[in-house]
PDB file of N, CA and C in Angstrom:
ATOM      1  N   MET A   1     -29.451  52.463  19.924  1.00  0.00           N
ATOM      2  CA  MET A   1     -30.244  51.570  19.249  1.00  0.00           C
ATOM      3  C   MET A   1     -29.470  50.330  18.725  1.00  0.00           C
ATOM      4  N   ARG A   2     -28.626  50.583  17.978  1.00  0.00           N
ATOM      5  CA  ARG A   2     -27.368  49.688  17.570  1.00  0.00           C
ATOM      6  C   ARG A   2     -27.118  48.614  18.383  1.00  0.00           C
ATOM      7  N   LYS A   3     -26.638  49.146  19.591  1.00  0.00           N
ATOM      8  CA  LYS A   3     -25.993  48.235  20.497  1.00  0.00           C
ATOM      9  C   LYS A   3     -27.184  47.275  21.007  1.00  0.00           C
ATOM     10  N   THR A   4     -28.415  47.715  21.262  1.00  0.00           N
ATOM     11  CA  THR A   4     -29.293  47.086  21.993  1.00  0.00           C
ATOM     12  C   THR A   4     -29.894  45.684  20.576  1.00  0.00           C
ATOM     13  N   THR A   5     -29.848  46.227  19.614  1.00  0.00           N
ATOM     14  CA  THR A   5     -30.066  45.323  18.297  1.00  0.00           C
ATOM     15  C   THR A   5     -29.125  44.300  18.459  1.00  0.00           C
ATOM     16  N   LEU A   6     -27.707  44.544  18.364  1.00  0.00           N
ATOM     17  CA  LEU A   6     -26.612  43.789  18.493  1.00  0.00           C
ATOM     18  C   LEU A   6     -26.508  43.043  19.457  1.00  0.00           C
ATOM     19  N   LEU A   7     -27.070  43.251  20.926  1.00  0.00           N
ATOM     20  CA  LEU A   7     -26.974  42.492  22.322  1.00  0.00           C
ATOM     21  C   LEU A   7     -28.038  41.560  22.056  1.00  0.00           C
ATOM     22  N   ALA A   8     -29.322  41.890  21.436  1.00  0.00           N
ATOM     23  CA  ALA A   8     -30.407  41.063  21.330  1.00  0.00           C
ATOM     24  C   ALA A   8     -29.971  40.029  20.386  1.00  0.00           C
ATOM     25  N   ALA A   9     -29.310  40.184  19.261  1.00  0.00           N
ATOM     26  CA  ALA A   9     -29.109  39.213  18.089  1.00  0.00           C
ATOM     27  C   ALA A   9     -27.991  38.375  18.906  1.00  0.00           C
ATOM     28  N   MET A  10     -27.050  38.587  19.615  1.00  0.00           N
ATOM     29  CA  MET A  10     -26.190  37.962  20.293  1.00  0.00           C
ATOM     30  C   MET A  10     -26.826  36.950  21.522  1.00  0.00           C
ATOM     31  N   ILE A  11     -27.783  37.506  22.063  1.00  0.00           N
ATOM     32  CA  ILE A  11     -28.247  36.717  22.871  1.00  0.00           C
ATOM     33  C   ILE A  11     -29.243  35.616  22.596  1.00  0.00           C
ATOM     34  N   GLY A  12     -29.908  35.988  21.291  1.00  0.00           N
ATOM     35  CA  GLY A  12     -30.836  34.908  20.654  1.00  0.00           C
ATOM     36  C   GLY A  12     -29.706  33.972  19.978  1.00  0.00           C
ATOM     37  N   MET A  13     -28.532  34.106  19.359  1.00  0.00           N
ATOM     38  CA  MET A  13     -27.977  33.283  18.883  1.00  0.00           C
ATOM     39  C   MET A  13     -27.306  32.209  19.830  1.00  0.00           C
ATOM     40  N   THR A  14     -27.059  32.731  21.110  1.00  0.00           N
ATOM     41  CA  THR A  14     -26.490  32.251  22.217  1.00  0.00           C
ATOM     42  C   THR A  14     -27.417  30.969  22.656  1.00  0.00           C
ATOM     43  N   ALA A  15     -28.995  31.601  22.863  1.00  0.00           N
ATOM     44  CA  ALA A  15     -29.765  30.635  23.307  1.00  0.00           C
ATOM     45  C   ALA A  15     -30.134  29.585  22.056  1.00  0.00           C
ATOM     46  N   GLY A  16     -30.093  30.201  20.878  1.00  0.00           N
ATOM     47  CA  GLY A  16     -30.424  28.992  19.651  1.00  0.00           C
ATOM     48  C   GLY A  16     -28.712  28.001  19.884  1.00  0.00           C
ATOM     49  N   LEU A  17     -27.901  28.258  20.048  1.00  0.00           N
ATOM     50  CA  LEU A  17     -26.621  27.297  20.399  1.00  0.00           C
ATOM     51  C   LEU A  17     -26.769  26.424  21.456  1.00  0.00           C
ATOM     52  N   LEU A  18     -27.292  26.870  22.640  1.00  0.00           N
ATOM     53  CA  LEU A  18     -27.444  25.864  23.502  1.00  0.00           C
ATOM     54  C   LEU A  18     -28.583  25.040  23.472  1.00  0.00           C
ATOM     55  N   GLN A  19     -29.740  25.219  22.796  1.00  0.00           N
ATOM     56  CA  GLN A  19     -30.699  24.133  22.420  1.00  0.00           C
ATOM     57  C   GLN A  19     -30.381  23.297  21.507  1.00  0.00           C
ATOM     58  N   ALA A  20     -29.332  23.406  20.524  1.00  0.00           N
ATOM     59  CA  ALA A  20     -29.024  22.630  19.629  1.00  0.00           C
ATOM     60  C   ALA A  20     -28.741  21.263  20.220  1.00  0.00           C
ATOM     61  N   PRO A  21     -29.066  20.110  19.791  1.00  0.00           N
ATOM     62  CA  PRO A  21     -28.693  18.752  20.062  1.00  0.00           C
ATOM     63  C   PRO A  21     -27.174  18.412  19.827  1.00  0.00           C
ATOM     64  N   ALA A  22     -26.702  17.503  20.705  1.00  0.00           N
ATOM     65  CA  ALA A  22     -25.223  17.245  20.344  1.00  0.00           C
ATOM     66  C   ALA A  22     -25.329  16.151  18.948  1.00  0.00           C
ATOM     67  N   VAL A  23     -24.623  16.344  18.221  1.00  0.00           N
ATOM     68  CA  VAL A  23     -24.478  15.436  17.271  1.00  0.00           C
ATOM     69  C   VAL A  23     -23.028  14.604  17.086  1.00  0.00           C
ATOM     70  N   GLU A  24     -23.501  13.111  16.947  1.00  0.00           N
ATOM     71  CA  GLU A  24     -22.386  12.231  17.004  1.00  0.00           C
ATOM     72  C   GLU A  24     -22.019  11.713  15.859  1.00  0.00           C
ATOM     73  N   ALA A  25     -20.664  11.547  15.496  1.00  0.00           N
ATOM     74  CA  ALA A  25     -20.233  10.980  14.245  1.00  0.00           C
ATOM     75  C   ALA A  25     -20.626   9.296  14.242  1.00  0.00           C
ATOM     76  N   GLN A  26     -20.996   9.025  13.059  1.00  0.00           N
ATOM     77  CA  GLN A  26     -21.277   7.761  12.563  1.00  0.00           C
ATOM     78  C   GLN A  26     -19.959   6.866  12.191  1.00  0.00           C
ATOM     79  N   ASP A  27     -20.123   5.562  12.524  1.00  0.00           N
ATOM     80  CA  ASP A  27     -18.925   4.823  12.143  1.00  0.00           C
ATOM     81  C   ASP A  27     -18.872   5.008  10.604  1.00  0.00           C
ATOM     82  N   PHE A  28     -17.781   5.120   9.931  1.00  0.00           N
ATOM     83  CA  PHE A  28     -17.671   4.952   8.700  1.00  0.00           C
ATOM     84  C   PHE A  28     -16.369   4.037   8.033  1.00  0.00           C
ATOM     85  N   PRO A  29     -16.396   3.427   7.228  1.00  0.00           N
ATOM     86  CA  PRO A  29     -17.663   2.634   6.670  1.00  0.00           C
ATOM     87  C   PRO A  29     -18.170   1.446   7.281  1.00  0.00           C
ATOM     88  N   PRO A  30     -19.528   1.416   7.219  1.00  0.00           N
ATOM     89  CA  PRO A  30     -20.582   0.352   7.732  1.00  0.00           C
ATOM     90  C   PRO A  30     -20.215  -1.094   7.364  1.00  0.00           C
ATOM     91  N   GLY A  31     -19.215  -1.368   6.727  1.00  0.00           N
ATOM     92  CA  GLY A  31     -18.586  -2.597   6.372  1.00  0.00           C
ATOM     93  C   GLY A  31     -17.868  -2.651   4.987  1.00  0.00           C
ATOM     94  N   LYS A  32     -17.902  -3.754   4.075  1.00  0.00           N
ATOM     95  CA  LYS A  32     -17.089  -3.300   2.836  1.00  0.00           C
ATOM     96  C   LYS A  32     -17.660  -2.405   1.990  1.00  0.00           C
ATOM     97  N   VAL A  33     -16.584  -2.006   1.436  1.00  0.00           N
ATOM     98  CA  VAL A  33     -17.103  -0.828   0.574  1.00  0.00           C
ATOM     99  C   VAL A  33     -17.054  -0.908  -1.120  1.00  0.00           C
ATOM    100  N   ASP A  34     -18.052  -0.865  -1.953  1.00  0.00           N
ATOM    101  CA  ASP A  34     -17.870  -1.374  -3.099  1.00  0.00           C
ATOM    102  C   ASP A  34     -17.196  -0.085  -3.831  1.00  0.00           C
ATOM    103  N   TYR A  35     -16.202  -0.401  -4.752  1.00  0.00           N
ATOM    104  CA  TYR A  35     -15.855   0.736  -5.634  1.00  0.00           C
ATOM    105  C   TYR A  35     -15.811   0.347  -7.266  1.00  0.00           C
ATOM    106  N   ILE A  36     -16.844   1.036  -7.641  1.00  0.00           N
ATOM    107  CA  ILE A  36     -17.324   0.809  -9.114  1.00  0.00           C
ATOM    108  C   ILE A  36     -16.448   1.633  -9.904  1.00  0.00           C
ATOM    109  N   ILE A  37     -15.777   0.777 -11.042  1.00  0.00           N
ATOM    110  CA  ILE A  37     -14.924   1.540 -12.033  1.00  0.00           C
ATOM    111  C   ILE A  37     -15.990   1.101 -13.220  1.00  0.00           C
ATOM    112  N   SER A  38     -16.099   2.127 -14.085  1.00  0.00           N
ATOM    113  CA  SER A  38     -16.771   1.831 -15.357  1.00  0.00           C
ATOM    114  C   SER A  38     -16.040   1.775 -16.514  1.00  0.00           C
ATOM    115  N   PHE A  39     -14.819   1.194 -16.367  1.00  0.00           N
ATOM    116  CA  PHE A  39     -13.923   1.006 -17.429  1.00  0.00           C
ATOM    117  C   PHE A  39     -13.605  -0.335 -17.100  1.00  0.00           C
ATOM    118  N   GLY A  40     -13.035  -1.089 -18.168  1.00  0.00           N
ATOM    119  CA  GLY A  40     -12.204  -2.671 -18.108  1.00  0.00           C
ATOM    120  C   GLY A  40     -11.094  -2.555 -17.270  1.00  0.00           C
ATOM    121  N   PRO A  41     -10.763  -3.589 -16.512  1.00  0.00           N
ATOM    122  CA  PRO A  41      -9.705  -3.667 -15.887  1.00  0.00           C
ATOM    123  C   PRO A  41      -8.401  -3.560 -16.754  1.00  0.00           C
ATOM    124  N   GLY A  42      -7.432  -3.187 -15.998  1.00  0.00           N
ATOM    125  CA  GLY A  42      -6.002  -2.676 -16.646  1.00  0.00           C
ATOM    126  C   GLY A  42      -5.671  -1.110 -17.305  1.00  0.00           C
ATOM    127  N   GLY A  43      -6.530  -0.363 -16.934  1.00  0.00           N
ATOM    128  CA  GLY A  43      -6.700   1.123 -17.255  1.00  0.00           C
ATOM    129  C   GLY A  43      -6.238   1.854 -16.010  1.00  0.00           C
ATOM    130  N   GLU A  44      -6.045   2.943 -15.977  1.00  0.00           N
ATOM    131  CA  GLU A  44      -5.387   4.166 -15.141  1.00  0.00           C
ATOM    132  C   GLU A  44      -6.395   3.984 -13.980  1.00  0.00           C
ATOM    133  N   SER A  45      -7.722   3.947 -13.992  1.00  0.00           N
ATOM    134  CA  SER A  45      -8.583   3.886 -12.842  1.00  0.00           C
ATOM    135  C   SER A  45      -8.399   2.739 -12.184  1.00  0.00           C
ATOM    136  N   ASP A  46      -8.059   1.436 -12.974  1.00  0.00           N
ATOM    137  CA  ASP A  46      -7.855  -0.064 -12.318  1.00  0.00           C
ATOM    138  C   ASP A  46      -6.653   0.061 -11.416  1.00  0.00           C
ATOM    139  N   ILE A  47      -5.524   0.764 -12.047  1.00  0.00           N
ATOM    140  CA  ILE A  47      -4.303   0.904 -11.260  1.00  0.00           C
ATOM    141  C   ILE A  47      -4.452   1.639 -10.147  1.00  0.00           C
ATOM    142  N   THR A  48      -5.062   2.785 -10.149  1.00  0.00           N
ATOM    143  CA  THR A  48      -5.288   3.871  -8.985  1.00  0.00           C
ATOM    144  C   THR A  48      -5.867   3.176  -7.950  1.00  0.00           C
ATOM    145  N   ALA A  49      -7.082   2.395  -8.179  1.00  0.00           N
ATOM    146  CA  ALA A  49      -7.960   1.747  -7.206  1.00  0.00           C
ATOM    147  C   ALA A  49      -7.164   0.827  -6.645  1.00  0.00           C
ATOM    148  N   ARG A  50      -6.253   0.022  -7.319  1.00  0.00           N
ATOM    149  CA  ARG A  50      -5.385  -1.141  -6.721  1.00  0.00           C
ATOM    150  C   ARG A  50      -4.722  -0.592  -5.826  1.00  0.00           C
ATOM    151  N   PHE A  51      -3.788   0.797  -6.226  1.00  0.00           N
ATOM    152  CA  PHE A  51      -2.914   0.996  -5.197  1.00  0.00           C
ATOM    153  C   PHE A  51      -3.356   1.880  -4.077  1.00  0.00           C
ATOM    154  N   GLN A  52      -4.853   2.329  -3.936  1.00  0.00           N
ATOM    155  CA  GLN A  52      -5.571   2.676  -2.898  1.00  0.00           C
ATOM    156  C   GLN A  52      -6.073   1.662  -1.878  1.00  0.00           C
ATOM    157  N   GLN A  53      -6.170   0.054  -2.364  1.00  0.00           N
ATOM    158  CA  GLN A  53      -6.906  -0.827  -1.984  1.00  0.00           C
ATOM    159  C   GLN A  53      -6.219  -1.103  -0.421  1.00  0.00           C
ATOM    160  N   PRO A  54      -4.652  -1.234  -0.381  1.00  0.00           N
ATOM    161  CA  PRO A  54      -3.939  -1.292   1.070  1.00  0.00           C
ATOM    162  C   PRO A  54      -4.242  -0.460   2.110  1.00  0.00           C
ATOM    163  N   PHE A  55      -4.208   1.024   1.536  1.00  0.00           N
ATOM    164  CA  PHE A  55      -4.321   1.956   2.145  1.00  0.00           C
ATOM    165  C   PHE A  55      -5.304   1.899   2.998  1.00  0.00           C
ATOM    166  N   PHE A  56      -6.672   2.004   2.065  1.00  0.00           N
ATOM    167  CA  PHE A  56      -8.071   1.987   2.615  1.00  0.00           C
ATOM    168  C   PHE A  56      -8.259   0.800   3.624  1.00  0.00           C
ATOM    169  N   GLU A  57      -7.770  -0.280   3.555  1.00  0.00           N
ATOM    170  CA  GLU A  57      -7.983  -1.239   4.498  1.00  0.00           C
ATOM    171  C   GLU A  57      -7.054  -1.089   5.939  1.00  0.00           C
ATOM    172  N   LYS A  58      -6.084  -0.888   5.545  1.00  0.00           N
ATOM    173  CA  LYS A  58      -5.321  -0.528   6.708  1.00  0.00           C
ATOM    174  C   LYS A  58      -5.699   0.544   7.694  1.00  0.00           C
ATOM    175  N   LEU A  59      -6.339   1.741   7.136  1.00  0.00           N
ATOM    176  CA  LEU A  59      -6.995   3.022   7.672  1.00  0.00           C
ATOM    177  C   LEU A  59      -8.314   2.461   8.420  1.00  0.00           C
ATOM    178  N   TYR A  60      -9.069   1.873   7.433  1.00  0.00           N
ATOM    179  CA  TYR A  60     -10.530   1.662   8.179  1.00  0.00           C
ATOM    180  C   TYR A  60     -10.665   0.317   8.818  1.00  0.00           C
ATOM    181  N   GLY A  61      -9.910  -0.510   8.250  1.00  0.00           N
ATOM    182  CA  GLY A  61      -9.941  -1.933   8.724  1.00  0.00           C
ATOM    183  C   GLY A  61     -11.394  -2.679   7.814  1.00  0.00           C
ATOM    184  N   GLU A  62     -11.419  -2.105   6.940  1.00  0.00           N
ATOM    185  CA  GLU A  62     -12.665  -2.653   6.258  1.00  0.00           C
ATOM    186  C   GLU A  62     -12.264  -2.989   4.726  1.00  0.00           C
ATOM    187  N   GLN A  63     -12.823  -3.862   4.091  1.00  0.00           N
ATOM    188  CA  GLN A  63     -12.349  -4.469   2.739  1.00  0.00           C
ATOM    189  C   GLN A  63     -12.806  -3.305   1.596  1.00  0.00           C
ATOM    190  N   LEU A  64     -12.085  -3.099   0.513  1.00  0.00           N
ATOM    191  CA  LEU A  64     -12.403  -2.146  -0.459  1.00  0.00           C
ATOM    192  C   LEU A  64     -12.699  -3.350  -1.626  1.00  0.00           C
ATOM    193  N   VAL A  65     -13.733  -3.471  -2.187  1.00  0.00           N
ATOM    194  CA  VAL A  65     -14.008  -4.231  -3.049  1.00  0.00           C
ATOM    195  C   VAL A  65     -14.189  -3.730  -4.630  1.00  0.00           C
ATOM    196  N   VAL A  66     -13.103  -4.132  -5.469  1.00  0.00           N
ATOM    197  CA  VAL A  66     -13.297  -3.128  -6.886  1.00  0.00           C
ATOM    198  C   VAL A  66     -14.215  -4.220  -7.818  1.00  0.00           C
ATOM    199  N   SER A  67     -15.033  -3.236  -8.545  1.00  0.00           N
ATOM    200  CA  SER A  67     -16.019  -3.994  -9.436  1.00  0.00           C
ATOM    201  C   SER A  67     -15.919  -3.101 -10.653  1.00  0.00           C
ATOM    202  N   TYR A  68     -15.828  -3.879 -11.981  1.00  0.00           N
ATOM    203  CA  TYR A  68     -15.635  -3.271 -13.101  1.00  0.00           C
ATOM    204  C   TYR A  68     -16.810  -3.472 -14.161  1.00  0.00           C
ATOM    205  N   LYS A  69     -17.448  -2.300 -14.437  1.00  0.00           N
ATOM    206  CA  LYS A  69     -19.082  -2.149 -15.071  1.00  0.00           C
ATOM    207  C   LYS A  69     -18.711  -1.211 -16.085  1.00  0.00           C
ATOM    208  N   PRO A  70     -17.700  -1.975 -17.155  1.00  0.00           N
ATOM    209  CA  PRO A  70     -17.752  -1.201 -18.574  1.00  0.00           C
ATOM    210  C   PRO A  70     -18.818  -1.172 -19.394  1.00  0.00           C
ATOM    211  N   GLY A  71     -18.955   0.086 -20.463  1.00  0.00           N
ATOM    212  CA  GLY A  71     -19.972   0.003 -21.229  1.00  0.00           C
ATOM    213  C   GLY A  71     -20.730   1.127 -21.306  1.00  0.00           C
ATOM    214  N   GLY A  72     -21.197   1.413 -22.509  1.00  0.00           N
ATOM    215  CA  GLY A  72     -22.182   2.894 -22.649  1.00  0.00           C
ATOM    216  C   GLY A  72     -21.759   4.086 -22.140  1.00  0.00           C
ATOM    217  N   GLY A  73     -20.096   4.200 -22.040  1.00  0.00           N
ATOM    218  CA  GLY A  73     -19.631   5.519 -21.967  1.00  0.00           C
ATOM    219  C   GLY A  73     -20.027   5.825 -20.116  1.00  0.00           C
ATOM    220  N   GLY A  74     -19.756   4.818 -19.502  1.00  0.00           N
ATOM    221  CA  GLY A  74     -20.144   4.884 -18.094  1.00  0.00           C
ATOM    222  C   GLY A  74     -21.636   4.557 -17.716  1.00  0.00           C
ATOM    223  N   ALA A  75     -22.501   4.668 -18.712  1.00  0.00           N
ATOM    224  CA  ALA A  75     -23.614   4.217 -18.224  1.00  0.00           C
ATOM    225  C   ALA A  75     -24.099   2.985 -17.397  1.00  0.00           C
ATOM    226  N   VAL A  76     -23.600   2.055 -17.700  1.00  0.00           N
ATOM    227  CA  VAL A  76     -23.689   0.701 -16.964  1.00  0.00           C
ATOM    228  C   VAL A  76     -23.201   1.070 -15.531  1.00  0.00           C
ATOM    229  N   GLY A  77     -22.149   1.693 -15.466  1.00  0.00           N
ATOM    230  CA  GLY A  77     -21.543   1.785 -13.969  1.00  0.00           C
ATOM    231  C   GLY A  77     -22.473   2.638 -13.093  1.00  0.00           C
ATOM    232  N   TRP A  78     -23.209   4.074 -13.968  1.00  0.00           N
ATOM    233  CA  TRP A  78     -23.812   4.758 -13.183  1.00  0.00           C
ATOM    234  C   TRP A  78     -25.306   3.856 -12.924  1.00  0.00           C
ATOM    235  N   SER A  79     -25.578   3.014 -13.881  1.00  0.00           N
ATOM    236  CA  SER A  79     -26.894   1.989 -13.492  1.00  0.00           C
ATOM    237  C   SER A  79     -26.798   1.391 -12.139  1.00  0.00           C
ATOM    238  N   GLN A  80     -25.500   0.703 -12.033  1.00  0.00           N
ATOM    239  CA  GLN A  80     -25.307   0.042 -10.770  1.00  0.00           C
ATOM    240  C   GLN A  80     -25.224   0.933  -9.865  1.00  0.00           C
ATOM    241  N   LEU A  81     -24.838   2.020  -9.952  1.00  0.00           N
ATOM    242  CA  LEU A  81     -24.371   3.035  -8.890  1.00  0.00           C
ATOM    243  C   LEU A  81     -26.011   3.269  -7.992  1.00  0.00           C
ATOM    244  N   ASN A  82     -26.805   3.560  -9.114  1.00  0.00           N
ATOM    245  CA  ASN A  82     -28.269   4.132  -8.848  1.00  0.00           C
ATOM    246  C   ASN A  82     -29.152   2.973  -8.167  1.00  0.00           C
ATOM    247  N   SER A  83     -28.780   1.928  -8.377  1.00  0.00           N
ATOM    248  CA  SER A  83     -29.604   0.661  -7.933  1.00  0.00           C
ATOM    249  C   SER A  83     -28.985   0.371  -6.330  1.00  0.00           C
ATOM    250  N   MET A  84     -27.875   0.890  -5.976  1.00  0.00           N
ATOM    251  CA  MET A  84     -27.333   0.400  -4.588  1.00  0.00           C
ATOM    252  C   MET A  84     -27.799   1.586  -3.696  1.00  0.00           C
ATOM    253  N   ALA A  85     -27.732   0.950  -2.375  1.00  0.00           N
ATOM    254  CA  ALA A  85     -28.251   1.311  -1.224  1.00  0.00           C
ATOM    255  C   ALA A  85     -27.509   2.905  -1.070  1.00  0.00           C
ATOM    256  N   ALA A  86     -27.778   4.224  -0.830  1.00  0.00           N
ATOM    257  CA  ALA A  86     -27.238   5.408  -0.514  1.00  0.00           C
ATOM    258  C   ALA A  86     -26.677   5.483   0.819  1.00  0.00           C
ATOM    259  N   ASP A  87     -25.590   4.626   1.616  1.00  0.00           N
ATOM    260  CA  ASP A  87     -25.349   4.709   2.718  1.00  0.00           C
ATOM    261  C   ASP A  87     -24.098   5.032   2.921  1.00  0.00           C
ATOM    262  N   GLY A  88     -23.119   5.084   1.794  1.00  0.00           N
ATOM    263  CA  GLY A  88     -21.999   5.859   1.982  1.00  0.00           C
ATOM    264  C   GLY A  88     -21.006   4.787   1.443  1.00  0.00           C
ATOM    265  N   SER A  89     -21.344   3.766   1.481  1.00  0.00           N
ATOM    266  CA  SER A  89     -20.452   2.332   1.267  1.00  0.00           C
ATOM    267  C   SER A  89     -19.892   2.074  -0.527  1.00  0.00           C
ATOM    268  N   VAL A  90     -20.409   3.201  -1.095  1.00  0.00           N
ATOM    269  CA  VAL A  90     -20.321   2.932  -2.766  1.00  0.00           C
ATOM    270  C   VAL A  90     -19.292   4.137  -2.950  1.00  0.00           C
ATOM    271  N   SER A  91     -18.266   3.943  -3.819  1.00  0.00           N
ATOM    272  CA  SER A  91     -17.547   4.830  -4.461  1.00  0.00           C
ATOM    273  C   SER A  91     -17.466   4.463  -5.980  1.00  0.00           C
ATOM    274  N   TRP A  92     -17.288   5.534  -6.791  1.00  0.00           N
ATOM    275  CA  TRP A  92     -17.630   5.300  -8.205  1.00  0.00           C
ATOM    276  C   TRP A  92     -16.623   6.261  -8.952  1.00  0.00           C
ATOM    277  N   VAL A  93     -15.683   5.313  -9.785  1.00  0.00           N
ATOM    278  CA  VAL A  93     -14.811   6.168 -10.903  1.00  0.00           C
ATOM    279  C   VAL A  93     -15.155   6.039 -12.096  1.00  0.00           C
TER     280      VAL A  93
END
């Protein structure tokens, strides 16, 4: 009985995998990437972002645009982030 149940489960999983559609990766990023920093320029987050910029541009061939949105303990940065498209082209610190 157990062997029959196990065999049926294996056949069911194999059939399910064969029917699954092929998935292709999308190109990332789709263009320039906005890097939002919720602090003013000159801090640790700014220095880190500036160090990452040339490596990002070399790896992905796209521009990394650093934007500063200080104020409200990060609320201004979050507000800007929430108003942007959710397409993966935004990073927030």
